[in-house]
Amino acid sequence: MRRPRRSRYQHLATGDLTLHGVTRAVTFEVTTEYASNVIGVLGSIDIAFADYGIANPSNAFVSTGDTGLLEFVLAFER
């Protein structure tokens, strides 16, 4: 594999996200970074808990909003 000229790229990714047994189509931005023999993929997806049948994660001591942010970091090493 030839090393790319730039080390950071932005991409749009589309796929299915399944949470709590509910699957929905999602499109989100990811960043790929190249360094030495590692390729990193970083991204995040805003989710509404109700869209996936998830009760708002609150209790008597803590309350949260109706949405959350699902973040991920993947590292692929050769």
PDB file of N, CA and C in Angstrom:
ATOM      1  N   MET A   1       0.840  -1.174   0.000  1.00  0.00           N
ATOM      2  CA  MET A   1       0.000   0.000   0.000  1.00  0.00           C
ATOM      3  C   MET A   1       0.883   1.233   0.000  1.00  0.00           C
ATOM      4  N   ARG A   2       0.588   2.162  -0.889  1.00  0.00           N
ATOM      5  CA  ARG A   2       1.350   3.410  -0.931  1.00  0.00           C
ATOM      6  C   ARG A   2       0.814   4.375   0.102  1.00  0.00           C
ATOM      7  N   ARG A   3       1.720   5.089   0.727  1.00  0.00           N
ATOM      8  CA  ARG A   3       1.326   6.069   1.735  1.00  0.00           C
ATOM      9  C   ARG A   3       0.673   7.271   1.054  1.00  0.00           C
ATOM     10  N   PRO A   4      -0.482   7.725   1.533  1.00  0.00           N
ATOM     11  CA  PRO A   4      -1.150   8.877   0.927  1.00  0.00           C
ATOM     12  C   PRO A   4      -0.338  10.159   1.131  1.00  0.00           C
ATOM     13  N   ARG A   5      -0.571  11.128   0.255  1.00  0.00           N
ATOM     14  CA  ARG A   5       0.143  12.409   0.378  1.00  0.00           C
ATOM     15  C   ARG A   5      -0.293  13.170   1.621  1.00  0.00           C
ATOM     16  N   ARG A   6      -1.570  13.162   1.875  1.00  0.00           N
ATOM     17  CA  ARG A   6      -2.069  13.801   3.093  1.00  0.00           C
ATOM     18  C   ARG A   6      -2.205  12.740   4.171  1.00  0.00           C
ATOM     19  N   SER A   7      -2.242  13.164   5.408  1.00  0.00           N
ATOM     20  CA  SER A   7      -2.380  12.177   6.475  1.00  0.00           C
ATOM     21  C   SER A   7      -3.766  12.198   7.112  1.00  0.00           C
ATOM     22  N   ARG A   8      -4.630  13.117   6.706  1.00  0.00           N
ATOM     23  CA  ARG A   8      -5.965  13.206   7.302  1.00  0.00           C
ATOM     24  C   ARG A   8      -6.998  13.445   6.203  1.00  0.00           C
ATOM     25  N   TYR A   9      -8.073  12.659   6.243  1.00  0.00           N
ATOM     26  CA  TYR A   9      -9.143  12.766   5.254  1.00  0.00           C
ATOM     27  C   TYR A   9     -10.492  12.785   5.966  1.00  0.00           C
ATOM     28  N   GLN A  10     -11.463  13.458   5.363  1.00  0.00           N
ATOM     29  CA  GLN A  10     -12.845  13.467   5.844  1.00  0.00           C
ATOM     30  C   GLN A  10     -13.673  12.646   4.857  1.00  0.00           C
ATOM     31  N   HIS A  11     -14.576  11.821   5.373  1.00  0.00           N
ATOM     32  CA  HIS A  11     -15.436  10.980   4.542  1.00  0.00           C
ATOM     33  C   HIS A  11     -16.850  10.996   5.114  1.00  0.00           C
ATOM     34  N   LEU A  12     -17.830  10.715   4.262  1.00  0.00           N
ATOM     35  CA  LEU A  12     -19.184  10.442   4.723  1.00  0.00           C
ATOM     36  C   LEU A  12     -19.382   8.937   4.686  1.00  0.00           C
ATOM     37  N   ALA A  13     -19.898   8.399   5.759  1.00  0.00           N
ATOM     38  CA  ALA A  13     -20.166   6.963   5.846  1.00  0.00           C
ATOM     39  C   ALA A  13     -21.669   6.759   6.002  1.00  0.00           C
ATOM     40  N   THR A  14     -22.179   5.739   5.373  1.00  0.00           N
ATOM     41  CA  THR A  14     -23.594   5.399   5.465  1.00  0.00           C
ATOM     42  C   THR A  14     -23.703   3.922   5.816  1.00  0.00           C
ATOM     43  N   GLY A  15     -24.614   3.610   6.712  1.00  0.00           N
ATOM     44  CA  GLY A  15     -24.807   2.222   7.092  1.00  0.00           C
ATOM     45  C   GLY A  15     -26.000   2.081   8.003  1.00  0.00           C
ATOM     46  N   ASP A  16     -26.138   0.922   8.597  1.00  0.00           N
ATOM     47  CA  ASP A  16     -27.215   0.647   9.544  1.00  0.00           C
ATOM     48  C   ASP A  16     -26.642   0.623  10.949  1.00  0.00           C
ATOM     49  N   LEU A  17     -27.316   1.289  11.863  1.00  0.00           N
ATOM     50  CA  LEU A  17     -26.930   1.290  13.273  1.00  0.00           C
ATOM     51  C   LEU A  17     -28.025   0.575  14.056  1.00  0.00           C
ATOM     52  N   THR A  18     -27.643  -0.446  14.807  1.00  0.00           N
ATOM     53  CA  THR A  18     -28.595  -1.181  15.628  1.00  0.00           C
ATOM     54  C   THR A  18     -28.278  -0.935  17.091  1.00  0.00           C
ATOM     55  N   LEU A  19     -29.254  -0.410  17.807  1.00  0.00           N
ATOM     56  CA  LEU A  19     -29.155  -0.194  19.250  1.00  0.00           C
ATOM     57  C   LEU A  19     -30.436  -0.714  19.889  1.00  0.00           C
ATOM     58  N   HIS A  20     -30.308  -1.442  20.947  1.00  0.00           N
ATOM     59  CA  HIS A  20     -31.466  -1.905  21.712  1.00  0.00           C
ATOM     60  C   HIS A  20     -32.458  -2.666  20.825  1.00  0.00           C
ATOM     61  N   GLY A  21     -31.942  -3.392  19.814  1.00  0.00           N
ATOM     62  CA  GLY A  21     -32.787  -4.185  18.931  1.00  0.00           C
ATOM     63  C   GLY A  21     -33.478  -3.413  17.819  1.00  0.00           C
ATOM     64  N   VAL A  22     -33.195  -2.124  17.677  1.00  0.00           N
ATOM     65  CA  VAL A  22     -33.801  -1.291  16.639  1.00  0.00           C
ATOM     66  C   VAL A  22     -32.712  -0.884  15.651  1.00  0.00           C
ATOM     67  N   THR A  23     -32.980  -1.094  14.359  1.00  0.00           N
ATOM     68  CA  THR A  23     -32.011  -0.755  13.315  1.00  0.00           C
ATOM     69  C   THR A  23     -32.521   0.428  12.509  1.00  0.00           C
ATOM     70  N   ARG A  24     -31.638   1.405  12.315  1.00  0.00           N
ATOM     71  CA  ARG A  24     -31.972   2.594  11.525  1.00  0.00           C
ATOM     72  C   ARG A  24     -30.806   2.914  10.602  1.00  0.00           C
ATOM     73  N   ALA A  25     -31.109   3.456   9.429  1.00  0.00           N
ATOM     74  CA  ALA A  25     -30.064   3.901   8.504  1.00  0.00           C
ATOM     75  C   ALA A  25     -29.464   5.198   9.042  1.00  0.00           C
ATOM     76  N   VAL A  26     -28.149   5.313   8.992  1.00  0.00           N
ATOM     77  CA  VAL A  26     -27.460   6.515   9.468  1.00  0.00           C
ATOM     78  C   VAL A  26     -26.405   6.943   8.450  1.00  0.00           C
ATOM     79  N   THR A  27     -26.156   8.235   8.393  1.00  0.00           N
ATOM     80  CA  THR A  27     -25.060   8.809   7.620  1.00  0.00           C
ATOM     81  C   THR A  27     -24.318   9.740   8.555  1.00  0.00           C
ATOM     82  N   PHE A  28     -22.994   9.625   8.584  1.00  0.00           N
ATOM     83  CA  PHE A  28     -22.208  10.421   9.514  1.00  0.00           C
ATOM     84  C   PHE A  28     -20.825  10.663   8.936  1.00  0.00           C
ATOM     85  N   GLU A  29     -20.155  11.674   9.456  1.00  0.00           N
ATOM     86  CA  GLU A  29     -18.819  12.015   8.997  1.00  0.00           C
ATOM     87  C   GLU A  29     -17.774  11.254   9.803  1.00  0.00           C
ATOM     88  N   VAL A  30     -16.767  10.740   9.114  1.00  0.00           N
ATOM     89  CA  VAL A  30     -15.639  10.091   9.779  1.00  0.00           C
ATOM     90  C   VAL A  30     -14.350  10.753   9.302  1.00  0.00           C
ATOM     91  N   THR A  31     -13.348  10.689  10.137  1.00  0.00           N
ATOM     92  CA  THR A  31     -12.021  11.187   9.804  1.00  0.00           C
ATOM     93  C   THR A  31     -11.067  10.007   9.808  1.00  0.00           C
ATOM     94  N   THR A  32     -10.278   9.887   8.750  1.00  0.00           N
ATOM     95  CA  THR A  32      -9.232   8.865   8.731  1.00  0.00           C
ATOM     96  C   THR A  32      -7.888   9.563   8.842  1.00  0.00           C
ATOM     97  N   GLU A  33      -7.008   8.984   9.630  1.00  0.00           N
ATOM     98  CA  GLU A  33      -5.664   9.519   9.821  1.00  0.00           C
ATOM     99  C   GLU A  33      -4.651   8.415   9.560  1.00  0.00           C
ATOM    100  N   TYR A  34      -3.595   8.764   8.854  1.00  0.00           N
ATOM    101  CA  TYR A  34      -2.541   7.807   8.523  1.00  0.00           C
ATOM    102  C   TYR A  34      -1.270   8.208   9.257  1.00  0.00           C
ATOM    103  N   ALA A  35      -0.666   7.268   9.960  1.00  0.00           N
ATOM    104  CA  ALA A  35       0.593   7.516  10.660  1.00  0.00           C
ATOM    105  C   ALA A  35       1.384   6.220  10.683  1.00  0.00           C
ATOM    106  N   SER A  36       2.537   6.236  10.068  1.00  0.00           N
ATOM    107  CA  SER A  36       3.413   5.067  10.044  1.00  0.00           C
ATOM    108  C   SER A  36       2.640   3.859   9.524  1.00  0.00           C
ATOM    109  N   ASN A  37       2.469   2.833  10.332  1.00  0.00           N
ATOM    110  CA  ASN A  37       1.750   1.634   9.885  1.00  0.00           C
ATOM    111  C   ASN A  37       0.362   1.521  10.511  1.00  0.00           C
ATOM    112  N   VAL A  38      -0.203   2.646  10.956  1.00  0.00           N
ATOM    113  CA  VAL A  38      -1.519   2.644  11.604  1.00  0.00           C
ATOM    114  C   VAL A  38      -2.473   3.554  10.833  1.00  0.00           C
ATOM    115  N   ILE A  39      -3.682   3.062  10.625  1.00  0.00           N
ATOM    116  CA  ILE A  39      -4.755   3.884  10.075  1.00  0.00           C
ATOM    117  C   ILE A  39      -5.787   4.043  11.177  1.00  0.00           C
ATOM    118  N   GLY A  40      -6.106   5.275  11.524  1.00  0.00           N
ATOM    119  CA  GLY A  40      -7.107   5.557  12.547  1.00  0.00           C
ATOM    120  C   GLY A  40      -8.389   6.058  11.906  1.00  0.00           C
ATOM    121  N   VAL A  41      -9.518   5.644  12.442  1.00  0.00           N
ATOM    122  CA  VAL A  41     -10.822   6.098  11.974  1.00  0.00           C
ATOM    123  C   VAL A  41     -11.568   6.628  13.186  1.00  0.00           C
ATOM    124  N   LEU A  42     -11.989   7.894  13.113  1.00  0.00           N
ATOM    125  CA  LEU A  42     -12.676   8.541  14.224  1.00  0.00           C
ATOM    126  C   LEU A  42     -14.011   9.077  13.735  1.00  0.00           C
ATOM    127  N   GLY A  43     -15.022   9.000  14.565  1.00  0.00           N
ATOM    128  CA  GLY A  43     -16.310   9.540  14.176  1.00  0.00           C
ATOM    129  C   GLY A  43     -17.273   9.601  15.338  1.00  0.00           C
ATOM    130  N   SER A  44     -18.427  10.182  15.067  1.00  0.00           N
ATOM    131  CA  SER A  44     -19.471  10.259  16.085  1.00  0.00           C
ATOM    132  C   SER A  44     -20.827  10.343  15.397  1.00  0.00           C
ATOM    133  N   ILE A  45     -21.843   9.906  16.118  1.00  0.00           N
ATOM    134  CA  ILE A  45     -23.208   9.897  15.611  1.00  0.00           C
ATOM    135  C   ILE A  45     -24.111  10.428  16.719  1.00  0.00           C
ATOM    136  N   ASP A  46     -24.900  11.456  16.405  1.00  0.00           N
ATOM    137  CA  ASP A  46     -25.915  11.934  17.343  1.00  0.00           C
ATOM    138  C   ASP A  46     -27.092  10.970  17.290  1.00  0.00           C
ATOM    139  N   ILE A  47     -27.578  10.562  18.448  1.00  0.00           N
ATOM    140  CA  ILE A  47     -28.735   9.670  18.486  1.00  0.00           C
ATOM    141  C   ILE A  47     -29.800  10.244  19.408  1.00  0.00           C
ATOM    142  N   ALA A  48     -31.046  10.023  19.033  1.00  0.00           N
ATOM    143  CA  ALA A  48     -32.182  10.332  19.906  1.00  0.00           C
ATOM    144  C   ALA A  48     -32.588   9.011  20.550  1.00  0.00           C
ATOM    145  N   PHE A  49     -32.594   8.971  21.873  1.00  0.00           N
ATOM    146  CA  PHE A  49     -32.896   7.723  22.576  1.00  0.00           C
ATOM    147  C   PHE A  49     -34.236   7.134  22.141  1.00  0.00           C
ATOM    148  N   ALA A  50     -35.250   7.979  21.948  1.00  0.00           N
ATOM    149  CA  ALA A  50     -36.585   7.503  21.575  1.00  0.00           C
ATOM    150  C   ALA A  50     -36.576   6.800  20.220  1.00  0.00           C
ATOM    151  N   ASP A  51     -35.687   7.204  19.299  1.00  0.00           N
ATOM    152  CA  ASP A  51     -35.611   6.564  17.982  1.00  0.00           C
ATOM    153  C   ASP A  51     -35.248   5.089  18.084  1.00  0.00           C
ATOM    154  N   TYR A  52     -34.592   4.709  19.162  1.00  0.00           N
ATOM    155  CA  TYR A  52     -34.143   3.328  19.345  1.00  0.00           C
ATOM    156  C   TYR A  52     -34.874   2.628  20.492  1.00  0.00           C
ATOM    157  N   GLY A  53     -35.952   3.227  20.964  1.00  0.00           N
ATOM    158  CA  GLY A  53     -36.731   2.616  22.033  1.00  0.00           C
ATOM    159  C   GLY A  53     -35.995   2.553  23.355  1.00  0.00           C
ATOM    160  N   ILE A  54     -35.063   3.496  23.560  1.00  0.00           N
ATOM    161  CA  ILE A  54     -34.271   3.526  24.792  1.00  0.00           C
ATOM    162  C   ILE A  54     -34.866   4.566  25.732  1.00  0.00           C
ATOM    163  N   ALA A  55     -35.161   4.153  26.956  1.00  0.00           N
ATOM    164  CA  ALA A  55     -35.669   5.098  27.948  1.00  0.00           C
ATOM    165  C   ALA A  55     -34.589   6.125  28.266  1.00  0.00           C
ATOM    166  N   ASN A  56     -35.004   7.345  28.511  1.00  0.00           N
ATOM    167  CA  ASN A  56     -34.062   8.403  28.862  1.00  0.00           C
ATOM    168  C   ASN A  56     -33.286   7.969  30.100  1.00  0.00           C
ATOM    169  N   PRO A  57     -31.944   7.913  30.010  1.00  0.00           N
ATOM    170  CA  PRO A  57     -31.141   7.414  31.141  1.00  0.00           C
ATOM    171  C   PRO A  57     -31.043   8.429  32.276  1.00  0.00           C
ATOM    172  N   SER A  58     -32.098   8.531  33.059  1.00  0.00           N
ATOM    173  CA  SER A  58     -32.143   9.453  34.193  1.00  0.00           C
ATOM    174  C   SER A  58     -32.592   8.702  35.435  1.00  0.00           C
ATOM    175  N   ASN A  59     -32.274   9.260  36.589  1.00  0.00           N
ATOM    176  CA  ASN A  59     -32.757   8.706  37.851  1.00  0.00           C
ATOM    177  C   ASN A  59     -32.998   9.856  38.817  1.00  0.00           C
ATOM    178  N   ALA A  60     -33.240   9.550  40.073  1.00  0.00           N
ATOM    179  CA  ALA A  60     -33.566  10.584  41.055  1.00  0.00           C
ATOM    180  C   ALA A  60     -32.424  11.573  41.267  1.00  0.00           C
ATOM    181  N   PHE A  61     -31.200  11.174  40.997  1.00  0.00           N
ATOM    182  CA  PHE A  61     -30.046  12.026  41.267  1.00  0.00           C
ATOM    183  C   PHE A  61     -29.477  12.707  40.024  1.00  0.00           C
ATOM    184  N   VAL A  62     -29.735  12.122  38.865  1.00  0.00           N
ATOM    185  CA  VAL A  62     -29.165  12.640  37.620  1.00  0.00           C
ATOM    186  C   VAL A  62     -30.240  12.654  36.543  1.00  0.00           C
ATOM    187  N   SER A  63     -30.313  13.747  35.800  1.00  0.00           N
ATOM    188  CA  SER A  63     -31.219  13.775  34.655  1.00  0.00           C
ATOM    189  C   SER A  63     -30.405  14.102  33.405  1.00  0.00           C
ATOM    190  N   THR A  64     -30.830  13.546  32.288  1.00  0.00           N
ATOM    191  CA  THR A  64     -30.124  13.747  31.025  1.00  0.00           C
ATOM    192  C   THR A  64     -31.100  14.241  29.972  1.00  0.00           C
ATOM    193  N   GLY A  65     -30.561  14.655  28.852  1.00  0.00           N
ATOM    194  CA  GLY A  65     -31.392  15.078  27.737  1.00  0.00           C
ATOM    195  C   GLY A  65     -31.951  13.881  26.992  1.00  0.00           C
ATOM    196  N   ASP A  66     -32.653  14.163  25.912  1.00  0.00           N
ATOM    197  CA  ASP A  66     -33.287  13.117  25.116  1.00  0.00           C
ATOM    198  C   ASP A  66     -32.367  12.552  24.040  1.00  0.00           C
ATOM    199  N   THR A  67     -31.159  13.106  23.935  1.00  0.00           N
ATOM    200  CA  THR A  67     -30.228  12.666  22.899  1.00  0.00           C
ATOM    201  C   THR A  67     -28.882  12.316  23.510  1.00  0.00           C
ATOM    202  N   GLY A  68     -28.097  11.598  22.739  1.00  0.00           N
ATOM    203  CA  GLY A  68     -26.751  11.243  23.172  1.00  0.00           C
ATOM    204  C   GLY A  68     -25.804  11.283  21.985  1.00  0.00           C
ATOM    205  N   LEU A  69     -24.536  11.184  22.261  1.00  0.00           N
ATOM    206  CA  LEU A  69     -23.509  11.188  21.225  1.00  0.00           C
ATOM    207  C   LEU A  69     -22.743   9.877  21.310  1.00  0.00           C
ATOM    208  N   LEU A  70     -22.787   9.105  20.240  1.00  0.00           N
ATOM    209  CA  LEU A  70     -22.055   7.847  20.152  1.00  0.00           C
ATOM    210  C   LEU A  70     -20.743   8.145  19.433  1.00  0.00           C
ATOM    211  N   GLU A  71     -19.623   8.005  20.136  1.00  0.00           N
ATOM    212  CA  GLU A  71     -18.311   8.291  19.558  1.00  0.00           C
ATOM    213  C   GLU A  71     -17.527   6.998  19.408  1.00  0.00           C
ATOM    214  N   PHE A  72     -16.690   6.929  18.383  1.00  0.00           N
ATOM    215  CA  PHE A  72     -15.865   5.743  18.196  1.00  0.00           C
ATOM    216  C   PHE A  72     -14.499   6.118  17.642  1.00  0.00           C
ATOM    217  N   VAL A  73     -13.521   5.294  17.999  1.00  0.00           N
ATOM    218  CA  VAL A  73     -12.152   5.407  17.495  1.00  0.00           C
ATOM    219  C   VAL A  73     -11.689   3.993  17.162  1.00  0.00           C
ATOM    220  N   LEU A  74     -11.281   3.777  15.929  1.00  0.00           N
ATOM    221  CA  LEU A  74     -10.775   2.478  15.491  1.00  0.00           C
ATOM    222  C   LEU A  74      -9.335   2.647  15.043  1.00  0.00           C
ATOM    223  N   ALA A  75      -8.496   1.674  15.333  1.00  0.00           N
ATOM    224  CA  ALA A  75      -7.103   1.702  14.885  1.00  0.00           C
ATOM    225  C   ALA A  75      -6.800   0.393  14.168  1.00  0.00           C
ATOM    226  N   PHE A  76      -6.326   0.518  12.941  1.00  0.00           N
ATOM    227  CA  PHE A  76      -5.944  -0.637  12.130  1.00  0.00           C
ATOM    228  C   PHE A  76      -4.437  -0.599  11.953  1.00  0.00           C
ATOM    229  N   GLU A  77      -3.778  -1.667  12.368  1.00  0.00           N
ATOM    230  CA  GLU A  77      -2.318  -1.701  12.329  1.00  0.00           C
ATOM    231  C   GLU A  77      -1.850  -2.856  11.460  1.00  0.00           C
ATOM    232  N   ARG A  78      -0.828  -2.567  10.696  1.00  0.00           N
ATOM    233  CA  ARG A  78      -0.257  -3.609   9.845  1.00  0.00           C
ATOM    234  C   ARG A  78       0.969  -4.185  10.491  1.00  0.00           C
TER     235      ARG A  78
END
